[in-house]
Amino acid sequence: MDYKINVNRLKENENSNIKAFATVVFGESFKVSSIAIMDGKNGLYVQMPRYRTNDTDAEGRSVYRDFCNPITKEFREELYSNILNTYENAEVNELYIGYNSGDKANEPDIDVLVTPYERDGAAIKGLASLFIDGQFVINNVQVLQGNGGTPFVSMPSYNTGKTDPKGHTIYQDICHPVTKEFRQKLYNAVLKQYQQAKKYKDKAIKAEQKKSAKKKASESKDKPTNR
């Protein structure tokens, strides 16, 4: 798999164990940012971008989950090692894997899995996962319903703490397609899978409703009539 790593080193801060942030671009087509390089008790380690859930652990602490992460042990070790090596090499801040700078990278294959999310009043209509070359997964990709009723794709993002001139909160994507062409290709694939999954789910619901109605009719028919 072709990918590029870029590391942005931070100024030393004794109150923070975050040393740098890395971005990874797969095949010059899909970018993952906000990957933290942390300094822990056992040395440097990589922490993928994550979000806080509504759950807590046994000690009452908030539970966090990764937005995205390597799928296989082998790729996790490769990717994390390359990120840390790039950080530790003070002379460079970029590392190309599978191709050289200036060369054309191979566009990654992305498989899409969508689960319809039907809840009255909710803008979220589906949740998707993107599997990059079978080695890296992006979770929490949302299918939202627009003002006109047309669904659209929303990538995982975080609140920047800033607002636009109209007072609306500004969000920044954590991962997203890099090129217009790949974005259109990817979003079309997500929406197509959403429509297919929704159609399958609706069909299953109708079949279950028909089965339940038939059972009730049979029970009513067999029920003794009081005289």
Protein backbone atom coordinates (compact mmCIF):
# COMPACT_ATOMS: atom_id res chain seq x y z
CA MET A 1 0.00 0.00 0.00
CA ASP A 2 1.33 3.43 -0.98
CA TYR A 3 1.16 6.12 1.67
CA LYS A 4 2.91 9.26 2.86
CA ILE A 5 3.59 10.35 6.45
CA ASN A 6 3.99 13.98 7.47
CA VAL A 7 4.97 14.97 11.03
CA ASN A 8 4.40 18.38 12.61
CA ARG A 9 6.56 18.69 15.72
CA LEU A 10 5.21 20.83 18.56
CA LYS A 11 7.07 23.22 20.83
CA GLU A 12 8.18 21.64 24.09
CA ASN A 13 5.51 21.92 26.77
CA GLU A 14 6.10 20.36 30.17
CA ASN A 15 2.35 20.31 30.80
CA SER A 16 1.60 18.16 27.75
CA ASN A 17 2.82 14.72 26.71
CA ILE A 18 1.86 15.34 23.09
CA LYS A 19 5.08 15.76 21.11
CA ALA A 20 3.78 16.01 17.57
CA PHE A 21 0.86 15.40 15.22
CA ALA A 22 1.14 13.23 12.14
CA THR A 23 -0.94 12.92 8.99
CA VAL A 24 -1.06 9.91 6.70
CA VAL A 25 -2.16 10.17 3.08
CA PHE A 26 -3.05 6.88 1.40
CA GLY A 27 -2.23 6.80 -2.30
CA GLU A 28 -2.40 10.62 -2.52
CA SER A 29 -6.17 10.15 -2.33
CA PHE A 30 -7.31 9.86 1.29
CA LYS A 31 -5.92 11.79 4.26
CA VAL A 32 -6.00 10.94 7.97
CA SER A 33 -4.90 13.71 10.34
CA SER A 34 -4.71 14.40 14.10
CA ILE A 35 -2.59 11.30 14.77
CA ALA A 36 -0.81 12.12 18.03
CA ILE A 37 2.74 11.15 18.96
CA MET A 38 2.73 10.84 22.74
CA ASP A 39 5.42 10.54 25.39
CA GLY A 40 4.35 7.92 27.95
CA LYS A 41 5.92 6.04 30.85
CA ASN A 42 7.39 3.50 28.44
CA GLY A 43 8.52 5.99 25.83
CA LEU A 44 6.99 7.35 22.65
CA TYR A 45 3.81 5.85 21.23
CA VAL A 46 1.21 6.61 18.56
CA GLN A 47 -2.39 7.45 19.39
CA MET A 48 -4.98 7.49 16.63
CA PRO A 49 -7.62 10.27 16.60
CA ARG A 50 -10.43 9.32 18.98
CA TYR A 51 -13.67 10.54 20.48
CA ARG A 52 -15.27 10.35 23.91
CA THR A 53 -18.31 8.10 24.23
CA ASN A 54 -21.14 8.35 26.73
CA ASP A 55 -19.82 5.25 28.51
CA THR A 56 -17.59 5.05 31.57
CA ASP A 57 -15.27 2.32 32.82
CA ALA A 58 -15.39 0.54 36.18
CA GLU A 59 -13.59 3.48 37.80
CA GLY A 60 -15.99 6.07 36.39
CA ARG A 61 -13.59 7.39 33.75
CA SER A 62 -14.78 8.34 30.28
CA VAL A 63 -14.36 5.70 27.60
CA TYR A 64 -12.74 6.76 24.31
CA ARG A 65 -12.85 5.02 20.93
CA ASP A 66 -10.69 5.48 17.86
CA PHE A 67 -12.16 7.10 14.78
CA CYS A 68 -9.80 4.99 12.69
CA ASN A 69 -7.07 2.42 13.18
CA PRO A 70 -4.99 -0.27 11.47
CA ILE A 71 -6.84 -3.57 11.10
CA THR A 72 -3.95 -6.03 11.14
CA LYS A 73 -1.16 -6.37 13.69
CA GLU A 74 1.42 -6.33 10.90
CA PHE A 75 0.24 -3.06 9.39
CA ARG A 76 -0.18 -1.45 12.81
CA GLU A 77 3.44 -2.24 13.67
CA GLU A 78 4.61 -1.00 10.25
CA LEU A 79 2.63 2.23 10.32
CA TYR A 80 3.37 3.17 13.93
CA SER A 81 7.06 2.38 13.49
CA ASN A 82 7.27 4.56 10.37
CA ILE A 83 5.46 7.43 12.14
CA LEU A 84 7.82 7.31 15.14
CA ASN A 85 10.91 6.97 12.92
CA THR A 86 9.83 10.05 10.97
CA TYR A 87 9.37 12.00 14.22
CA GLU A 88 12.74 10.92 15.63
CA ASN A 89 14.60 11.89 12.44
CA ALA A 90 15.03 15.60 13.03
CA GLU A 91 16.28 16.19 9.46
CA VAL A 92 13.02 15.22 7.74
CA ASN A 93 9.32 15.54 8.36
CA GLU A 94 8.03 13.38 5.51
CA LEU A 95 8.33 9.72 4.65
CA TYR A 96 7.07 8.01 1.49
CA ILE A 97 6.17 4.33 1.63
CA GLY A 98 5.73 2.32 -1.57
CA TYR A 99 6.60 5.20 -3.90
CA ASN A 100 8.91 8.20 -4.15
CA SER A 101 8.16 11.91 -3.97
CA GLY A 102 7.03 13.12 -7.36
CA ASP A 103 5.90 9.68 -8.48
CA LYS A 104 2.24 8.77 -8.98
CA ALA A 105 0.97 6.71 -6.05
CA ASN A 106 -1.45 3.83 -6.47
CA GLU A 107 -4.98 4.84 -5.56
CA PRO A 108 -6.16 2.74 -2.59
CA ASP A 109 -9.02 0.28 -2.83
CA ILE A 110 -11.75 1.17 -0.35
CA ASP A 111 -14.53 -1.23 0.64
CA VAL A 112 -17.67 0.28 2.16
CA LEU A 113 -19.96 -1.15 4.85
CA VAL A 114 -23.10 0.84 5.73
CA THR A 115 -25.67 0.20 8.45
CA PRO A 116 -28.98 2.11 8.16
CA TYR A 117 -29.77 4.15 11.25
CA GLU A 118 -33.47 4.85 11.46
CA ARG A 119 -34.69 6.94 14.36
CA ASP A 120 -37.52 9.46 14.30
CA GLY A 121 -36.26 13.03 14.16
CA ALA A 122 -32.61 12.03 13.72
CA ALA A 123 -30.58 13.59 10.90
CA ILE A 124 -28.31 10.53 10.86
CA LYS A 125 -29.68 7.96 8.44
CA GLY A 126 -26.73 5.61 8.25
CA LEU A 127 -23.31 4.80 9.73
CA ALA A 128 -20.49 3.63 7.49
CA SER A 129 -17.04 2.09 7.83
CA LEU A 130 -14.37 2.43 5.13
CA PHE A 131 -11.77 -0.31 4.74
CA ILE A 132 -8.61 0.89 2.98
CA ASP A 133 -6.81 -1.94 1.16
CA GLY A 134 -8.07 -4.30 3.88
CA GLN A 135 -5.51 -2.86 6.32
CA PHE A 136 -6.93 0.37 7.72
CA VAL A 137 -10.50 1.21 8.78
CA ILE A 138 -12.31 4.55 9.11
CA ASN A 139 -15.35 4.41 11.40
CA ASN A 140 -18.12 6.89 12.23
CA VAL A 141 -18.68 8.01 8.65
CA GLN A 142 -22.25 9.32 8.64
CA VAL A 143 -24.98 9.42 6.05
CA LEU A 144 -27.06 12.51 6.88
CA GLN A 145 -30.33 13.79 5.50
CA GLY A 146 -30.06 17.23 3.95
CA ASN A 147 -32.64 20.01 4.15
CA GLY A 148 -34.15 18.88 0.86
CA GLY A 149 -34.31 15.26 1.96
CA THR A 150 -31.31 14.21 -0.15
CA PRO A 151 -28.77 12.14 1.81
CA PHE A 152 -25.12 13.20 1.90
CA VAL A 153 -21.88 11.87 3.41
CA SER A 154 -20.21 13.43 6.47
CA MET A 155 -16.69 12.40 7.46
CA PRO A 156 -15.53 12.15 11.11
CA SER A 157 -14.70 15.61 12.46
CA TYR A 158 -13.96 17.51 15.66
CA ASN A 159 -15.17 20.79 17.14
CA THR A 160 -12.48 23.45 16.61
CA GLY A 161 -13.96 25.68 19.32
CA LYS A 162 -14.35 28.46 16.75
CA THR A 163 -17.41 29.92 15.06
CA ASP A 164 -18.06 31.40 11.63
CA PRO A 165 -19.38 34.97 11.05
CA LYS A 166 -22.94 33.64 11.52
CA GLY A 167 -22.09 32.12 14.90
CA HIS A 168 -22.14 28.52 13.69
CA THR A 169 -19.65 26.08 15.21
CA ILE A 170 -16.74 25.26 12.90
CA TYR A 171 -15.83 21.58 12.54
CA GLN A 172 -12.65 20.18 11.02
CA ASP A 173 -12.57 16.82 9.25
CA ILE A 174 -10.21 14.29 10.81
CA CYS A 175 -10.08 12.18 7.68
CA HIS A 176 -11.28 12.93 4.17
CA PRO A 177 -10.67 12.38 0.45
CA VAL A 178 -7.91 14.57 -0.96
CA THR A 179 -9.02 15.01 -4.57
CA LYS A 180 -12.41 16.03 -5.98
CA GLU A 181 -12.46 12.95 -8.21
CA PHE A 182 -11.76 10.49 -5.40
CA ARG A 183 -14.24 12.25 -3.09
CA GLN A 184 -17.02 11.89 -5.65
CA LYS A 185 -16.09 8.26 -6.27
CA LEU A 186 -16.00 7.43 -2.57
CA TYR A 187 -19.15 9.32 -1.57
CA ASN A 188 -21.09 7.75 -4.45
CA ALA A 189 -20.01 4.32 -3.23
CA VAL A 190 -21.13 5.11 0.33
CA LEU A 191 -24.53 6.40 -0.79
CA LYS A 192 -25.03 3.44 -3.12
CA GLN A 193 -24.28 1.01 -0.29
CA TYR A 194 -26.61 2.97 2.00
CA GLN A 195 -29.51 2.72 -0.47
CA GLN A 196 -28.92 -1.01 -0.94
CA ALA A 197 -28.67 -1.65 2.81
CA LYS A 198 -31.81 0.44 3.45
CA LYS A 199 -33.73 -1.42 0.75
CA TYR A 200 -32.67 -4.76 2.24
CA LYS A 201 -33.62 -3.64 5.77
CA ASP A 202 -37.02 -2.29 4.63
CA LYS A 203 -37.69 -5.57 2.82
CA ALA A 204 -36.80 -7.56 5.96
CA ILE A 205 -39.07 -5.36 8.11
CA LYS A 206 -42.01 -5.79 5.72
CA ALA A 207 -41.48 -9.56 5.65
CA GLU A 208 -41.45 -9.67 9.45
CA GLN A 209 -44.58 -7.52 9.65
CA LYS A 210 -46.35 -9.77 7.14
CA LYS A 211 -45.31 -12.85 9.11
CA SER A 212 -46.54 -11.31 12.38
CA ALA A 213 -49.89 -10.30 10.82
CA LYS A 214 -50.36 -13.79 9.41
CA LYS A 215 -49.63 -15.34 12.82
CA LYS A 216 -52.12 -13.03 14.56
CA ALA A 217 -54.79 -13.84 11.98
CA SER A 218 -54.20 -17.56 12.46
CA GLU A 219 -54.40 -17.23 16.25
CA SER A 220 -57.60 -15.21 15.98
CA LYS A 221 -59.13 -17.80 13.67
CA ASP A 222 -58.27 -20.68 16.03
CA LYS A 223 -59.51 -18.84 19.13
CA PRO A 224 -62.80 -20.34 20.47
CA THR A 225 -65.90 -18.13 20.11
CA ASN A 226 -67.87 -17.52 23.29
CA ARG A 227 -71.61 -18.27 23.05
